[in-house]
Amino acid sequence: METLGSRIKKLRKSKKLTQGKLGNLVDVSDVTVGYWERDVNEPQFQTLMAIAEVLDTTVNYLKYGVEGSEPSVRDVRPVVRLLPVLSYVQAGNWTSIRCLENYEIEQWLPAPPNAGKNSFYMIIQGTSNSPHFKDGDYVCIDPDVDFDSVQTGEMIVAQCDGDATFKALVREHNNIYLQALNPNFQPNIINLKENCLYKGKYVGRFEPSKKFL
């Protein structure tokens, strides 16, 4: 019986593409392609559209094996770009952060308007930036925003010795440091060490629906 994975594999081989080459073309790893082809998991819809384009087929065929059929009612809603939630970032102190392979990502959220190509979400822990950012908030980080363009008061993620924090950047004369937005949080100022790395600028957040009663 044909499956989504077997159809991807068949079309990939017909195009003489390796798993790595297909992965490069749709911006995932070869491991991820292998998971698809073994039906361990399925591509996100946006990625599925990219696969269909690369393999000269349709999403309908990949998912259902149906060729040459169009839905009777066209869905005119815009396709929402989804971003991965990569890991937690400690909002108050340095904490560990690691990048995940696509097949490890368990949660995807709609991109905010200002998100770049490689943006991702992180989840805030702690109250160092309250009331502006609360524990559990999903913040979107764009790693492609140039550090030199970030201005005083804008929020960034910085990483040092494998640990990361989410704070406001302050440029003061020849000194650059990070500051918590909560004035009662201590330490309120974090000096950037020489081996600290800028990981990206805050460009928006995801706000889930709330209960009002």
Foldseek 3Di string as FASTA:
>chain_A
DDALLCVLVVLCVVVVHQLQRLCVQLVAHSVVNVCSNVPVDHDDPVSLCSSCVVSVAHSCCSHPVDHDDDDPDDDPDDDFDKAFAAEAAEAADWDAGDGDHPVPTDDIDGDDPPEDPNKHWHAYADDLAPPVDDHGWIWIWHQPDDPVPQAFQFWFWKDDPRTIYIFTWHDDPPAIWGAGNPPPRPPGIGGDDPRMGTRGTTDDTDDDDDDDD
